[in-house]
Amino acid sequence: MENRNRNTQLALEKFGKYLVTESRKNLTRKNKNNTRKLYDSLDYDVQVMENSLDFGFIMEEYGEWVDKGRKKGKMPPPSALRKWVEQRRIQFRDNRGRFKTYESTAWAIAKSIKKRGIPATEFYSRPFNLGYQRLPDEVVQAYALDVQDFLEFTIDELNKKYKDGSN
């Protein structure tokens, strides 16, 4: 059976590509692309079935924190920050001027996050909202084209049956 929702699927695919492209641009622009792990994980999945549409946006789990930020008052686990601190080669100094360990630097940053929070980047939310505002019109138009294609296909099939004399 041919895909009768081809135009709708193409409209959702276009939205997915836009979302991934803009989100990646925002990560790079806002200097939130240290390991490229989040950048590389951005993807989308479109499934168009006979009676339903499914659109999913895929990213690393911590992408939600990068997008929405973190309110002050709750300390993130220092172990989650240790790798980040080491990759960026961030080490604070003690009172004597000696470098602290990555563990103690991660703990100090976690404590600062608890005190001040982290501002939201909206690397994903902003393009999603902008693209979503345009999406309904595009999907309605694409779905109308799919219905038109379906009707033309059905009429052609009925005409073939009529000409053949079969019912």
Foldseek 3Di string as FASTA:
>chain_A
DDDLLVQLQVLLVVLFVLLLVQLLVLCVVVVVCLPVQQNVFWGKDWDDDPPDIDIGTTGDPCVVCQAAWWAAQDFDDLVVCLVVCVSVVDFDADPVRHTDDSSVVSVVVSNVCNHHTTHHSNSRVVSNVVSVVVSVVSSVVSVVVSVVVVVVVVVVVVVVCVVVVHD
